[in-house]
């Protein structure tokens, strides 16, 4: 709104970003194997 040095930038998503997010959410993904340090320590 007013140019100033050190002013924080706000960001918004562009059409390409929305399309990338839609692509990613629609893509299949396998469940990740459980990796838990506490379980390994208990073993």
ModelCIF file with pLDDT and N, C-alpha, C, O atoms, coordinates in Angstrom:
data_MODEL
#
_entry.id   MODEL 
#
_entity.id                         1 
_entity.type                       polymer 
_entity.pdbx_number_of_molecules   1 
#
_entity_poly.entity_id                      1 
_entity_poly.type                           'polypeptide(L)' 
_entity_poly.nstd_linkage                   no 
_entity_poly.nstd_monomer                   no 
_entity_poly.pdbx_seq_one_letter_code       
;(UNK)(UNK)(UNK)(UNK)(UNK)(UNK)(UNK)(UNK)(UNK)(UNK)(UNK)(UNK)(UNK)(UNK)(UNK)(UNK)
(UNK)(UNK)(UNK)(UNK)(UNK)(UNK)(UNK)(UNK)(UNK)(UNK)(UNK)(UNK)(UNK)(UNK)(UNK)(UNK)
(UNK)(UNK)(UNK)(UNK)(UNK)(UNK)(UNK)(UNK)(UNK)(UNK)(UNK)
;
_entity_poly.pdbx_seq_one_letter_code_can   XXXXXXXXXXXXXXXXXXXXXXXXXXXXXXXXXXXXXXXXXXX 
_entity_poly.pdbx_strand_id                 A 
#
loop_
_entity_poly_seq.entity_id 
_entity_poly_seq.num 
_entity_poly_seq.mon_id 
_entity_poly_seq.hetero 
1 1  UNK n 
1 2  UNK n 
1 3  UNK n 
1 4  UNK n 
1 5  UNK n 
1 6  UNK n 
1 7  UNK n 
1 8  UNK n 
1 9  UNK n 
1 10 UNK n 
1 11 UNK n 
1 12 UNK n 
1 13 UNK n 
1 14 UNK n 
1 15 UNK n 
1 16 UNK n 
1 17 UNK n 
1 18 UNK n 
1 19 UNK n 
1 20 UNK n 
1 21 UNK n 
1 22 UNK n 
1 23 UNK n 
1 24 UNK n 
1 25 UNK n 
1 26 UNK n 
1 27 UNK n 
1 28 UNK n 
1 29 UNK n 
1 30 UNK n 
1 31 UNK n 
1 32 UNK n 
1 33 UNK n 
1 34 UNK n 
1 35 UNK n 
1 36 UNK n 
1 37 UNK n 
1 38 UNK n 
1 39 UNK n 
1 40 UNK n 
1 41 UNK n 
1 42 UNK n 
1 43 UNK n 
#
_struct_asym.id          A 
_struct_asym.entity_id   1 
#
loop_
_ma_qa_metric.id 
_ma_qa_metric.mode 
_ma_qa_metric.name 
_ma_qa_metric.software_group_id 
_ma_qa_metric.type 
1 global pLDDT . pLDDT 
2 local  pLDDT . pLDDT 
#
_ma_qa_metric_global.metric_id      1 
_ma_qa_metric_global.metric_value   87.88 
_ma_qa_metric_global.model_id       1 
_ma_qa_metric_global.ordinal_id     1 
#
loop_
_ma_qa_metric_local.label_asym_id 
_ma_qa_metric_local.label_comp_id 
_ma_qa_metric_local.label_seq_id 
_ma_qa_metric_local.metric_id 
_ma_qa_metric_local.metric_value 
_ma_qa_metric_local.model_id 
_ma_qa_metric_local.ordinal_id 
A UNK 1  2 70.00 1 1  
A UNK 2  2 64.00 1 2  
A UNK 3  2 61.00 1 3  
A UNK 4  2 59.00 1 4  
A UNK 5  2 64.00 1 5  
A UNK 6  2 63.00 1 6  
A UNK 7  2 67.00 1 7  
A UNK 8  2 80.00 1 8  
A UNK 9  2 88.00 1 9  
A UNK 10 2 92.00 1 10 
A UNK 11 2 95.00 1 11 
A UNK 12 2 95.00 1 12 
A UNK 13 2 97.00 1 13 
A UNK 14 2 97.00 1 14 
A UNK 15 2 97.00 1 15 
A UNK 16 2 97.00 1 16 
A UNK 17 2 96.00 1 17 
A UNK 18 2 97.00 1 18 
A UNK 19 2 97.00 1 19 
A UNK 20 2 96.00 1 20 
A UNK 21 2 96.00 1 21 
A UNK 22 2 96.00 1 22 
A UNK 23 2 96.00 1 23 
A UNK 24 2 94.00 1 24 
A UNK 25 2 94.00 1 25 
A UNK 26 2 95.00 1 26 
A UNK 27 2 95.00 1 27 
A UNK 28 2 94.00 1 28 
A UNK 29 2 91.00 1 29 
A UNK 30 2 91.00 1 30 
A UNK 31 2 88.00 1 31 
A UNK 32 2 87.00 1 32 
A UNK 33 2 88.00 1 33 
A UNK 34 2 85.00 1 34 
A UNK 35 2 88.00 1 35 
A UNK 36 2 89.00 1 36 
A UNK 37 2 91.00 1 37 
A UNK 38 2 91.00 1 38 
A UNK 39 2 92.00 1 39 
A UNK 40 2 93.00 1 40 
A UNK 41 2 92.00 1 41 
A UNK 42 2 90.00 1 42 
A UNK 43 2 91.00 1 43 
#
loop_
_atom_site.group_PDB 
_atom_site.id 
_atom_site.type_symbol 
_atom_site.label_atom_id 
_atom_site.label_alt_id 
_atom_site.label_comp_id 
_atom_site.label_asym_id 
_atom_site.label_entity_id 
_atom_site.label_seq_id 
_atom_site.pdbx_PDB_ins_code 
_atom_site.Cartn_x 
_atom_site.Cartn_y 
_atom_site.Cartn_z 
_atom_site.occupancy 
_atom_site.B_iso_or_equiv 
_atom_site.pdbx_formal_charge 
_atom_site.auth_seq_id 
_atom_site.auth_comp_id 
_atom_site.auth_asym_id 
_atom_site.auth_atom_id 
_atom_site.pdbx_PDB_model_num 
ATOM 1   N N  . UNK A 1 1  ? 0.837  -1.207  0.000   1.00 70.00 ? 1  UNK A N  1 
ATOM 2   C CA . UNK A 1 1  ? 0.000  0.000   0.000   1.00 70.00 ? 1  UNK A CA 1 
ATOM 3   C C  . UNK A 1 1  ? 0.868  1.251   0.000   1.00 70.00 ? 1  UNK A C  1 
ATOM 4   O O  . UNK A 1 1  ? 0.572  2.221   -0.697  1.00 70.00 ? 1  UNK A O  1 
ATOM 5   N N  . UNK A 1 2  ? 1.924  1.224   0.773   1.00 64.00 ? 2  UNK A N  1 
ATOM 6   C CA . UNK A 1 2  ? 2.879  2.331   0.828   1.00 64.00 ? 2  UNK A CA 1 
ATOM 7   C C  . UNK A 1 2  ? 4.271  1.733   0.777   1.00 64.00 ? 2  UNK A C  1 
ATOM 8   O O  . UNK A 1 2  ? 4.653  0.980   1.673   1.00 64.00 ? 2  UNK A O  1 
ATOM 9   N N  . UNK A 1 3  ? 5.040  2.059   -0.260  1.00 61.00 ? 3  UNK A N  1 
ATOM 10  C CA . UNK A 1 3  ? 6.385  1.493   -0.329  1.00 61.00 ? 3  UNK A CA 1 
ATOM 11  C C  . UNK A 1 3  ? 7.217  1.912   0.883   1.00 61.00 ? 3  UNK A C  1 
ATOM 12  O O  . UNK A 1 3  ? 7.296  3.092   1.227   1.00 61.00 ? 3  UNK A O  1 
ATOM 13  N N  . UNK A 1 4  ? 7.819  0.941   1.504   1.00 59.00 ? 4  UNK A N  1 
ATOM 14  C CA . UNK A 1 4  ? 8.676  1.226   2.661   1.00 59.00 ? 4  UNK A CA 1 
ATOM 15  C C  . UNK A 1 4  ? 9.732  0.144   2.760   1.00 59.00 ? 4  UNK A C  1 
ATOM 16  O O  . UNK A 1 4  ? 9.466  -1.029  2.497   1.00 59.00 ? 4  UNK A O  1 
ATOM 17  N N  . UNK A 1 5  ? 10.913 0.544   3.135   1.00 64.00 ? 5  UNK A N  1 
ATOM 18  C CA . UNK A 1 5  ? 12.009 -0.407  3.293   1.00 64.00 ? 5  UNK A CA 1 
ATOM 19  C C  . UNK A 1 5  ? 11.721 -1.321  4.489   1.00 64.00 ? 5  UNK A C  1 
ATOM 20  O O  . UNK A 1 5  ? 11.327 -0.859  5.560   1.00 64.00 ? 5  UNK A O  1 
ATOM 21  N N  . UNK A 1 6  ? 11.922 -2.608  4.287   1.00 63.00 ? 6  UNK A N  1 
ATOM 22  C CA . UNK A 1 6  ? 11.715 -3.566  5.367   1.00 63.00 ? 6  UNK A CA 1 
ATOM 23  C C  . UNK A 1 6  ? 10.261 -3.926  5.602   1.00 63.00 ? 6  UNK A C  1 
ATOM 24  O O  . UNK A 1 6  ? 9.948  -4.622  6.568   1.00 63.00 ? 6  UNK A O  1 
ATOM 25  N N  . UNK A 1 7  ? 9.368  -3.466  4.740   1.00 67.00 ? 7  UNK A N  1 
ATOM 26  C CA . UNK A 1 7  ? 7.945  -3.774  4.919   1.00 67.00 ? 7  UNK A CA 1 
ATOM 27  C C  . UNK A 1 7  ? 7.708  -5.239  4.576   1.00 67.00 ? 7  UNK A C  1 
ATOM 28  O O  . UNK A 1 7  ? 8.282  -5.760  3.620   1.00 67.00 ? 7  UNK A O  1 
ATOM 29  N N  . UNK A 1 8  ? 6.863  -5.898  5.356   1.00 80.00 ? 8  UNK A N  1 
ATOM 30  C CA . UNK A 1 8  ? 6.594  -7.303  5.094   1.00 80.00 ? 8  UNK A CA 1 
ATOM 31  C C  . UNK A 1 8  ? 5.789  -7.459  3.814   1.00 80.00 ? 8  UNK A C  1 
ATOM 32  O O  . UNK A 1 8  ? 4.907  -6.653  3.514   1.00 80.00 ? 8  UNK A O  1 
ATOM 33  N N  . UNK A 1 9  ? 6.108  -8.510  3.065   1.00 88.00 ? 9  UNK A N  1 
ATOM 34  C CA . UNK A 1 9  ? 5.396  -8.819  1.830   1.00 88.00 ? 9  UNK A CA 1 
ATOM 35  C C  . UNK A 1 9  ? 4.261  -9.775  2.152   1.00 88.00 ? 9  UNK A C  1 
ATOM 36  O O  . UNK A 1 9  ? 4.430  -10.723 2.918   1.00 88.00 ? 9  UNK A O  1 
ATOM 37  N N  . UNK A 1 10 ? 3.107  -9.518  1.561   1.00 92.00 ? 10 UNK A N  1 
ATOM 38  C CA . UNK A 1 10 ? 2.017  -10.484 1.620   1.00 92.00 ? 10 UNK A CA 1 
ATOM 39  C C  . UNK A 1 10 ? 1.952  -11.174 0.271   1.00 92.00 ? 10 UNK A C  1 
ATOM 40  O O  . UNK A 1 10 ? 2.240  -10.575 -0.765  1.00 92.00 ? 10 UNK A O  1 
ATOM 41  N N  . UNK A 1 11 ? 1.571  -12.442 0.298   1.00 95.00 ? 11 UNK A N  1 
ATOM 42  C CA . UNK A 1 11 ? 1.560  -13.245 -0.911  1.00 95.00 ? 11 UNK A CA 1 
ATOM 43  C C  . UNK A 1 11 ? 0.163  -13.757 -1.197  1.00 95.00 ? 11 UNK A C  1 
ATOM 44  O O  . UNK A 1 11 ? -0.646 -13.960 -0.292  1.00 95.00 ? 11 UNK A O  1 
ATOM 45  N N  . UNK A 1 12 ? -0.104 -13.962 -2.497  1.00 95.00 ? 12 UNK A N  1 
ATOM 46  C CA . UNK A 1 12 ? -1.339 -14.602 -2.912  1.00 95.00 ? 12 UNK A CA 1 
ATOM 47  C C  . UNK A 1 12 ? -0.997 -15.659 -3.953  1.00 95.00 ? 12 UNK A C  1 
ATOM 48  O O  . UNK A 1 12 ? 0.046  -15.591 -4.604  1.00 95.00 ? 12 UNK A O  1 
ATOM 49  N N  . UNK A 1 13 ? -1.885 -16.631 -4.102  1.00 97.00 ? 13 UNK A N  1 
ATOM 50  C CA . UNK A 1 13 ? -1.681 -17.726 -5.044  1.00 97.00 ? 13 UNK A CA 1 
ATOM 51  C C  . UNK A 1 13 ? -2.171 -17.301 -6.419  1.00 97.00 ? 13 UNK A C  1 
ATOM 52  O O  . UNK A 1 13 ? -3.244 -16.714 -6.561  1.00 97.00 ? 13 UNK A O  1 
ATOM 53  N N  . UNK A 1 14 ? -1.367 -17.606 -7.424  1.00 97.00 ? 14 UNK A N  1 
ATOM 54  C CA . UNK A 1 14 ? -1.729 -17.333 -8.811  1.00 97.00 ? 14 UNK A CA 1 
ATOM 55  C C  . UNK A 1 14 ? -2.429 -18.559 -9.409  1.00 97.00 ? 14 UNK A C  1 
ATOM 56  O O  . UNK A 1 14 ? -2.479 -19.619 -8.784  1.00 97.00 ? 14 UNK A O  1 
ATOM 57  N N  . UNK A 1 15 ? -2.964 -18.407 -10.615 1.00 97.00 ? 15 UNK A N  1 
ATOM 58  C CA . UNK A 1 15 ? -3.680 -19.496 -11.286 1.00 97.00 ? 15 UNK A CA 1 
ATOM 59  C C  . UNK A 1 15 ? -2.817 -20.748 -11.396 1.00 97.00 ? 15 UNK A C  1 
ATOM 60  O O  . UNK A 1 15 ? -3.302 -21.859 -11.182 1.00 97.00 ? 15 UNK A O  1 
ATOM 61  N N  . UNK A 1 16 ? -1.532 -20.571 -11.732 1.00 97.00 ? 16 UNK A N  1 
ATOM 62  C CA . UNK A 1 16 ? -0.624 -21.725 -11.849 1.00 97.00 ? 16 UNK A CA 1 
ATOM 63  C C  . UNK A 1 16 ? -0.452 -22.431 -10.510 1.00 97.00 ? 16 UNK A C  1 
ATOM 64  O O  . UNK A 1 16 ? -0.334 -23.656 -10.470 1.00 97.00 ? 16 UNK A O  1 
ATOM 65  N N  . UNK A 1 17 ? -0.436 -21.677 -9.417  1.00 96.00 ? 17 UNK A N  1 
ATOM 66  C CA . UNK A 1 17 ? -0.315 -22.271 -8.083  1.00 96.00 ? 17 UNK A CA 1 
ATOM 67  C C  . UNK A 1 17 ? -1.554 -23.057 -7.707  1.00 96.00 ? 17 UNK A C  1 
ATOM 68  O O  . UNK A 1 17 ? -1.453 -24.144 -7.140  1.00 96.00 ? 17 UNK A O  1 
ATOM 69  N N  . UNK A 1 18 ? -2.711 -22.523 -8.016  1.00 97.00 ? 18 UNK A N  1 
ATOM 70  C CA . UNK A 1 18 ? -3.968 -23.240 -7.751  1.00 97.00 ? 18 UNK A CA 1 
ATOM 71  C C  . UNK A 1 18 ? -4.005 -24.534 -8.561  1.00 97.00 ? 18 UNK A C  1 
ATOM 72  O O  . UNK A 1 18 ? -4.408 -25.581 -8.053  1.00 97.00 ? 18 UNK A O  1 
ATOM 73  N N  . UNK A 1 19 ? -3.579 -24.455 -9.830  1.00 97.00 ? 19 UNK A N  1 
ATOM 74  C CA . UNK A 1 19 ? -3.567 -25.645 -10.690 1.00 97.00 ? 19 UNK A CA 1 
ATOM 75  C C  . UNK A 1 19 ? -2.591 -26.697 -10.143 1.00 97.00 ? 19 UNK A C  1 
ATOM 76  O O  . UNK A 1 19 ? -2.894 -27.890 -10.165 1.00 97.00 ? 19 UNK A O  1 
ATOM 77  N N  . UNK A 1 20 ? -1.430 -26.262 -9.656  1.00 96.00 ? 20 UNK A N  1 
ATOM 78  C CA . UNK A 1 20 ? -0.461 -27.192 -9.084  1.00 96.00 ? 20 UNK A CA 1 
ATOM 79  C C  . UNK A 1 20 ? -1.028 -27.860 -7.836  1.00 96.00 ? 20 UNK A C  1 
ATOM 80  O O  . UNK A 1 20 ? -0.851 -29.063 -7.641  1.00 96.00 ? 20 UNK A O  1 
ATOM 81  N N  . UNK A 1 21 ? -1.702 -27.096 -6.997  1.00 96.00 ? 21 UNK A N  1 
ATOM 82  C CA . UNK A 1 21 ? -2.296 -27.671 -5.790  1.00 96.00 ? 21 UNK A CA 1 
ATOM 83  C C  . UNK A 1 21 ? -3.398 -28.662 -6.157  1.00 96.00 ? 21 UNK A C  1 
ATOM 84  O O  . UNK A 1 21 ? -3.507 -29.722 -5.540  1.00 96.00 ? 21 UNK A O  1 
ATOM 85  N N  . UNK A 1 22 ? -4.208 -28.331 -7.144  1.00 96.00 ? 22 UNK A N  1 
ATOM 86  C CA . UNK A 1 22 ? -5.267 -29.243 -7.593  1.00 96.00 ? 22 UNK A CA 1 
ATOM 87  C C  . UNK A 1 22 ? -4.662 -30.526 -8.171  1.00 96.00 ? 22 UNK A C  1 
ATOM 88  O O  . UNK A 1 22 ? -5.160 -31.622 -7.914  1.00 96.00 ? 22 UNK A O  1 
ATOM 89  N N  . UNK A 1 23 ? -3.587 -30.385 -8.951  1.00 96.00 ? 23 UNK A N  1 
ATOM 90  C CA . UNK A 1 23 ? -2.916 -31.561 -9.508  1.00 96.00 ? 23 UNK A CA 1 
ATOM 91  C C  . UNK A 1 23 ? -2.393 -32.458 -8.394  1.00 96.00 ? 23 UNK A C  1 
ATOM 92  O O  . UNK A 1 23 ? -2.559 -33.678 -8.429  1.00 96.00 ? 23 UNK A O  1 
ATOM 93  N N  . UNK A 1 24 ? -1.759 -31.835 -7.409  1.00 94.00 ? 24 UNK A N  1 
ATOM 94  C CA . UNK A 1 24 ? -1.163 -32.584 -6.303  1.00 94.00 ? 24 UNK A CA 1 
ATOM 95  C C  . UNK A 1 24 ? -2.224 -33.292 -5.471  1.00 94.00 ? 24 UNK A C  1 
ATOM 96  O O  . UNK A 1 24 ? -2.035 -34.445 -5.083  1.00 94.00 ? 24 UNK A O  1 
ATOM 97  N N  . UNK A 1 25 ? -3.338 -32.616 -5.191  1.00 94.00 ? 25 UNK A N  1 
ATOM 98  C CA . UNK A 1 25 ? -4.378 -33.250 -4.372  1.00 94.00 ? 25 UNK A CA 1 
ATOM 99  C C  . UNK A 1 25 ? -5.050 -34.411 -5.103  1.00 94.00 ? 25 UNK A C  1 
ATOM 100 O O  . UNK A 1 25 ? -5.522 -35.352 -4.465  1.00 94.00 ? 25 UNK A O  1 
ATOM 101 N N  . UNK A 1 26 ? -5.098 -34.353 -6.434  1.00 95.00 ? 26 UNK A N  1 
ATOM 102 C CA . UNK A 1 26 ? -5.745 -35.410 -7.214  1.00 95.00 ? 26 UNK A CA 1 
ATOM 103 C C  . UNK A 1 26 ? -4.826 -36.607 -7.470  1.00 95.00 ? 26 UNK A C  1 
ATOM 104 O O  . UNK A 1 26 ? -5.308 -37.688 -7.807  1.00 95.00 ? 26 UNK A O  1 
ATOM 105 N N  . UNK A 1 27 ? -3.521 -36.432 -7.317  1.00 95.00 ? 27 UNK A N  1 
ATOM 106 C CA . UNK A 1 27 ? -2.567 -37.503 -7.609  1.00 95.00 ? 27 UNK A CA 1 
ATOM 107 C C  . UNK A 1 27 ? -2.628 -38.580 -6.525  1.00 95.00 ? 27 UNK A C  1 
ATOM 108 O O  . UNK A 1 27 ? -2.738 -38.263 -5.341  1.00 95.00 ? 27 UNK A O  1 
ATOM 109 N N  . UNK A 1 28 ? -2.559 -39.846 -6.924  1.00 94.00 ? 28 UNK A N  1 
ATOM 110 C CA . UNK A 1 28 ? -2.567 -40.913 -5.913  1.00 94.00 ? 28 UNK A CA 1 
ATOM 111 C C  . UNK A 1 28 ? -1.269 -40.894 -5.100  1.00 94.00 ? 28 UNK A C  1 
ATOM 112 O O  . UNK A 1 28 ? -0.210 -40.515 -5.601  1.00 94.00 ? 28 UNK A O  1 
ATOM 113 N N  . UNK A 1 29 ? -1.375 -41.299 -3.872  1.00 91.00 ? 29 UNK A N  1 
ATOM 114 C CA . UNK A 1 29 ? -0.199 -41.377 -3.004  1.00 91.00 ? 29 UNK A CA 1 
ATOM 115 C C  . UNK A 1 29 ? -0.374 -42.557 -2.066  1.00 91.00 ? 29 UNK A C  1 
ATOM 116 O O  . UNK A 1 29 ? -1.426 -42.721 -1.448  1.00 91.00 ? 29 UNK A O  1 
ATOM 117 N N  . UNK A 1 30 ? 0.656  -43.371 -1.965  1.00 91.00 ? 30 UNK A N  1 
ATOM 118 C CA . UNK A 1 30 ? 0.617  -44.521 -1.066  1.00 91.00 ? 30 UNK A CA 1 
ATOM 119 C C  . UNK A 1 30 ? 0.822  -44.062 0.367   1.00 91.00 ? 30 UNK A C  1 
ATOM 120 O O  . UNK A 1 30 ? 1.503  -43.066 0.609   1.00 91.00 ? 30 UNK A O  1 
ATOM 121 N N  . UNK A 1 31 ? 0.237  -44.782 1.321   1.00 88.00 ? 31 UNK A N  1 
ATOM 122 C CA . UNK A 1 31 ? 0.509  -44.451 2.728   1.00 88.00 ? 31 UNK A CA 1 
ATOM 123 C C  . UNK A 1 31 ? 1.996  -44.620 3.022   1.00 88.00 ? 31 UNK A C  1 
ATOM 124 O O  . UNK A 1 31 ? 2.664  -45.495 2.473   1.00 88.00 ? 31 UNK A O  1 
ATOM 125 N N  . UNK A 1 32 ? 2.484  -43.771 3.888   1.00 87.00 ? 32 UNK A N  1 
ATOM 126 C CA . UNK A 1 32 ? 3.897  -43.839 4.275   1.00 87.00 ? 32 UNK A CA 1 
ATOM 127 C C  . UNK A 1 32 ? 4.057  -44.849 5.409   1.00 87.00 ? 32 UNK A C  1 
ATOM 128 O O  . UNK A 1 32 ? 3.222  -44.903 6.313   1.00 87.00 ? 32 UNK A O  1 
ATOM 129 N N  . UNK A 1 33 ? 5.128  -45.651 5.367   1.00 88.00 ? 33 UNK A N  1 
ATOM 130 C CA . UNK A 1 33 ? 5.368  -46.574 6.482   1.00 88.00 ? 33 UNK A CA 1 
ATOM 131 C C  . UNK A 1 33 ? 5.639  -45.790 7.763   1.00 88.00 ? 33 UNK A C  1 
ATOM 132 O O  . UNK A 1 33 ? 6.228  -44.709 7.733   1.00 88.00 ? 33 UNK A O  1 
ATOM 133 N N  . UNK A 1 34 ? 5.208  -46.342 8.866   1.00 85.00 ? 34 UNK A N  1 
ATOM 134 C CA . UNK A 1 34 ? 5.419  -45.705 10.164  1.00 85.00 ? 34 UNK A CA 1 
ATOM 135 C C  . UNK A 1 34 ? 6.899  -45.804 10.544  1.00 85.00 ? 34 UNK A C  1 
ATOM 136 O O  . UNK A 1 34 ? 7.492  -46.882 10.533  1.00 85.00 ? 34 UNK A O  1 
ATOM 137 N N  . UNK A 1 35 ? 7.471  -44.657 10.878  1.00 88.00 ? 35 UNK A N  1 
ATOM 138 C CA . UNK A 1 35 ? 8.851  -44.597 11.386  1.00 88.00 ? 35 UNK A CA 1 
ATOM 139 C C  . UNK A 1 35 ? 8.784  -43.819 12.686  1.00 88.00 ? 35 UNK A C  1 
ATOM 140 O O  . UNK A 1 35 ? 8.638  -42.596 12.673  1.00 88.00 ? 35 UNK A O  1 
ATOM 141 N N  . UNK A 1 36 ? 8.888  -44.507 13.791  1.00 89.00 ? 36 UNK A N  1 
ATOM 142 C CA . UNK A 1 36 ? 8.757  -43.852 15.088  1.00 89.00 ? 36 UNK A CA 1 
ATOM 143 C C  . UNK A 1 36 ? 9.915  -44.258 15.981  1.00 89.00 ? 36 UNK A C  1 
ATOM 144 O O  . UNK A 1 36 ? 10.109 -45.440 16.267  1.00 89.00 ? 36 UNK A O  1 
ATOM 145 N N  . UNK A 1 37 ? 10.673 -43.281 16.415  1.00 91.00 ? 37 UNK A N  1 
ATOM 146 C CA . UNK A 1 37 ? 11.855 -43.533 17.239  1.00 91.00 ? 37 UNK A CA 1 
ATOM 147 C C  . UNK A 1 37 ? 11.490 -44.210 18.551  1.00 91.00 ? 37 UNK A C  1 
ATOM 148 O O  . UNK A 1 37 ? 12.210 -45.098 19.007  1.00 91.00 ? 37 UNK A O  1 
ATOM 149 N N  . UNK A 1 38 ? 10.381 -43.805 19.166  1.00 91.00 ? 38 UNK A N  1 
ATOM 150 C CA . UNK A 1 38 ? 9.994  -44.417 20.437  1.00 91.00 ? 38 UNK A CA 1 
ATOM 151 C C  . UNK A 1 38 ? 9.740  -45.911 20.257  1.00 91.00 ? 38 UNK A C  1 
ATOM 152 O O  . UNK A 1 38 ? 10.151 -46.713 21.095  1.00 91.00 ? 38 UNK A O  1 
ATOM 153 N N  . UNK A 1 39 ? 9.075  -46.285 19.185  1.00 92.00 ? 39 UNK A N  1 
ATOM 154 C CA . UNK A 1 39 ? 8.817  -47.709 18.954  1.00 92.00 ? 39 UNK A CA 1 
ATOM 155 C C  . UNK A 1 39 ? 10.124 -48.479 18.760  1.00 92.00 ? 39 UNK A C  1 
ATOM 156 O O  . UNK A 1 39 ? 10.274 -49.596 19.256  1.00 92.00 ? 39 UNK A O  1 
ATOM 157 N N  . UNK A 1 40 ? 11.051 -47.885 18.047  1.00 93.00 ? 40 UNK A N  1 
ATOM 158 C CA . UNK A 1 40 ? 12.344 -48.531 17.848  1.00 93.00 ? 40 UNK A CA 1 
ATOM 159 C C  . UNK A 1 40 ? 13.089 -48.645 19.179  1.00 93.00 ? 40 UNK A C  1 
ATOM 160 O O  . UNK A 1 40 ? 13.703 -49.673 19.465  1.00 93.00 ? 40 UNK A O  1 
ATOM 161 N N  . UNK A 1 41 ? 13.035 -47.594 19.984  1.00 92.00 ? 41 UNK A N  1 
ATOM 162 C CA . UNK A 1 41 ? 13.702 -47.621 21.299  1.00 92.00 ? 41 UNK A CA 1 
ATOM 163 C C  . UNK A 1 41 ? 13.075 -48.681 22.200  1.00 92.00 ? 41 UNK A C  1 
ATOM 164 O O  . UNK A 1 41 ? 13.779 -49.360 22.948  1.00 92.00 ? 41 UNK A O  1 
ATOM 165 N N  . UNK A 1 42 ? 11.760 -48.821 22.128  1.00 90.00 ? 42 UNK A N  1 
ATOM 166 C CA . UNK A 1 42 ? 11.069 -49.820 22.937  1.00 90.00 ? 42 UNK A CA 1 
ATOM 167 C C  . UNK A 1 42 ? 11.499 -51.226 22.510  1.00 90.00 ? 42 UNK A C  1 
ATOM 168 O O  . UNK A 1 42 ? 11.731 -52.095 23.349  1.00 90.00 ? 42 UNK A O  1 
ATOM 169 N N  . UNK A 1 43 ? 11.602 -51.435 21.202  1.00 91.00 ? 43 UNK A N  1 
ATOM 170 C CA . UNK A 1 43 ? 12.072 -52.734 20.686  1.00 91.00 ? 43 UNK A CA 1 
ATOM 171 C C  . UNK A 1 43 ? 13.503 -52.997 21.156  1.00 91.00 ? 43 UNK A C  1 
ATOM 172 O O  . UNK A 1 43 ? 14.079 -54.035 20.830  1.00 91.00 ? 43 UNK A O  1 
#
